[in-house]
């Protein structure tokens, strides 16, 4: 019985380590995407792009990277796949 408990504990520890590594990897990716989105915004503003459009540009990049394959509903009620 103790072998089974030892094995389950080993598997549980490995699962915990993998989950922690995945969280760290996703966090690192999110930080990189946030930095790039911020750069898109600041570079667009520096180039004279209006604030609202610069925000949309950065938002479009964020959505494309963080939520690939989402559907965007257009203001006219139509939809377009991203």
C-alpha atoms as a PDB file:
ATOM      1  CA  UNK A   1       0.000   0.000   0.000  1.00  0.00           C
ATOM      2  CA  UNK A   2       2.853   2.399   0.742  1.00  0.00           C
ATOM      3  CA  UNK A   3       4.269   1.910  -2.775  1.00  0.00           C
ATOM      4  CA  UNK A   4       0.967   3.095  -4.241  1.00  0.00           C
ATOM      5  CA  UNK A   5       0.902   6.144  -1.967  1.00  0.00           C
ATOM      6  CA  UNK A   6       4.540   6.913  -2.811  1.00  0.00           C
ATOM      7  CA  UNK A   7       3.808   6.662  -6.525  1.00  0.00           C
ATOM      8  CA  UNK A   8       0.736   8.888  -6.225  1.00  0.00           C
ATOM      9  CA  UNK A   9       2.742  11.427  -4.269  1.00  0.00           C
ATOM     10  CA  UNK A  10       5.509  11.350  -6.903  1.00  0.00           C
ATOM     11  CA  UNK A  11       2.991  11.856  -9.710  1.00  0.00           C
ATOM     12  CA  UNK A  12       1.312  14.655  -7.753  1.00  0.00           C
ATOM     13  CA  UNK A  13       4.646  16.412  -7.220  1.00  0.00           C
ATOM     14  CA  UNK A  14       5.526  16.129 -10.915  1.00  0.00           C
ATOM     15  CA  UNK A  15       2.114  17.505 -11.865  1.00  0.00           C
ATOM     16  CA  UNK A  16       2.571  20.427  -9.480  1.00  0.00           C
ATOM     17  CA  UNK A  17       5.996  21.210 -10.953  1.00  0.00           C
ATOM     18  CA  UNK A  18       4.659  21.064 -14.519  1.00  0.00           C
ATOM     19  CA  UNK A  19       1.727  23.325 -13.639  1.00  0.00           C
ATOM     20  CA  UNK A  20       4.058  25.842 -11.996  1.00  0.00           C
ATOM     21  CA  UNK A  21       6.357  25.802 -15.029  1.00  0.00           C
ATOM     22  CA  UNK A  22       3.371  26.318 -17.341  1.00  0.00           C
ATOM     23  CA  UNK A  23       2.123  29.270 -15.285  1.00  0.00           C
ATOM     24  CA  UNK A  24       5.586  30.849 -15.361  1.00  0.00           C
ATOM     25  CA  UNK A  25       5.879  30.300 -19.120  1.00  0.00           C
ATOM     26  CA  UNK A  26       2.449  31.843 -19.767  1.00  0.00           C
ATOM     27  CA  UNK A  27       3.261  34.773 -17.487  1.00  0.00           C
ATOM     28  CA  UNK A  28       6.512  35.436 -19.318  1.00  0.00           C
ATOM     29  CA  UNK A  29       4.697  35.338 -22.660  1.00  0.00           C
ATOM     30  CA  UNK A  30       2.005  37.723 -21.381  1.00  0.00           C
ATOM     31  CA  UNK A  31       4.662  40.183 -20.193  1.00  0.00           C
ATOM     32  CA  UNK A  32       6.395  40.105 -23.572  1.00  0.00           C
ATOM     33  CA  UNK A  33       3.118  40.664 -25.409  1.00  0.00           C
ATOM     34  CA  UNK A  34       2.248  43.545 -23.054  1.00  0.00           C
ATOM     35  CA  UNK A  35       5.618  45.185 -23.706  1.00  0.00           C
ATOM     36  CA  UNK A  36       5.175  44.866 -27.460  1.00  0.00           C
ATOM     37  CA  UNK A  37       1.617  46.223 -27.285  1.00  0.00           C
ATOM     38  CA  UNK A  38       2.916  49.172 -25.261  1.00  0.00           C
ATOM     39  CA  UNK A  39       5.645  49.760 -27.806  1.00  0.00           C
ATOM     40  CA  UNK A  40       3.096  49.676 -30.628  1.00  0.00           C
ATOM     41  CA  UNK A  41       1.063  52.320 -28.803  1.00  0.00           C
ATOM     42  CA  UNK A  42       3.997  54.624 -27.975  1.00  0.00           C
ATOM     43  CA  UNK A  43       5.539  54.335 -31.428  1.00  0.00           C
ATOM     44  CA  UNK A  44       2.188  55.039 -33.064  1.00  0.00           C
ATOM     45  CA  UNK A  45       1.678  58.135 -30.871  1.00  0.00           C
ATOM     46  CA  UNK A  46       5.235  59.294 -31.651  1.00  0.00           C
ATOM     47  CA  UNK A  47       4.463  58.908 -35.360  1.00  0.00           C
ATOM     48  CA  UNK A  48       1.405  61.145 -35.026  1.00  0.00           C
ATOM     49  CA  UNK A  49      -1.295  58.472 -34.953  1.00  0.00           C
ATOM     50  CA  UNK A  50      -4.351  59.675 -32.986  1.00  0.00           C
ATOM     51  CA  UNK A  51      -4.705  58.292 -29.447  1.00  0.00           C
ATOM     52  CA  UNK A  52      -7.814  56.207 -30.165  1.00  0.00           C
ATOM     53  CA  UNK A  53      -6.323  54.582 -33.244  1.00  0.00           C
ATOM     54  CA  UNK A  54      -3.042  53.880 -31.428  1.00  0.00           C
ATOM     55  CA  UNK A  55      -5.029  52.172 -28.674  1.00  0.00           C
ATOM     56  CA  UNK A  56      -6.888  50.070 -31.234  1.00  0.00           C
ATOM     57  CA  UNK A  57      -3.615  49.058 -32.864  1.00  0.00           C
ATOM     58  CA  UNK A  58      -2.168  47.929 -29.538  1.00  0.00           C
ATOM     59  CA  UNK A  59      -5.437  46.198 -28.591  1.00  0.00           C
ATOM     60  CA  UNK A  60      -5.576  44.374 -31.931  1.00  0.00           C
ATOM     61  CA  UNK A  61      -2.063  43.049 -31.365  1.00  0.00           C
ATOM     62  CA  UNK A  62      -2.890  42.001 -27.775  1.00  0.00           C
ATOM     63  CA  UNK A  63      -6.047  40.166 -28.841  1.00  0.00           C
ATOM     64  CA  UNK A  64      -4.334  38.443 -31.765  1.00  0.00           C
ATOM     65  CA  UNK A  65      -1.537  37.166 -29.528  1.00  0.00           C
ATOM     66  CA  UNK A  66      -3.477  36.353 -26.368  1.00  0.00           C
ATOM     67  CA  UNK A  67      -6.718  35.087 -27.923  1.00  0.00           C
ATOM     68  CA  UNK A  68      -5.877  33.585 -31.318  1.00  0.00           C
ATOM     69  CA  UNK A  69      -8.851  32.435 -33.322  1.00  0.00           C
ATOM     70  CA  UNK A  70     -11.388  34.749 -31.708  1.00  0.00           C
ATOM     71  CA  UNK A  71     -14.290  36.225 -33.609  1.00  0.00           C
ATOM     72  CA  UNK A  72     -14.625  40.018 -33.614  1.00  0.00           C
ATOM     73  CA  UNK A  73     -18.126  41.428 -33.953  1.00  0.00           C
ATOM     74  CA  UNK A  74     -18.100  44.463 -36.222  1.00  0.00           C
ATOM     75  CA  UNK A  75     -20.089  47.567 -35.334  1.00  0.00           C
ATOM     76  CA  UNK A  76     -22.490  46.858 -38.197  1.00  0.00           C
ATOM     77  CA  UNK A  77     -23.397  43.523 -36.599  1.00  0.00           C
ATOM     78  CA  UNK A  78     -21.336  41.384 -38.948  1.00  0.00           C
ATOM     79  CA  UNK A  79     -18.469  39.227 -37.822  1.00  0.00           C
ATOM     80  CA  UNK A  80     -14.986  38.581 -39.065  1.00  0.00           C
ATOM     81  CA  UNK A  81     -12.700  35.721 -38.069  1.00  0.00           C
ATOM     82  CA  UNK A  82      -9.274  36.706 -36.741  1.00  0.00           C
END
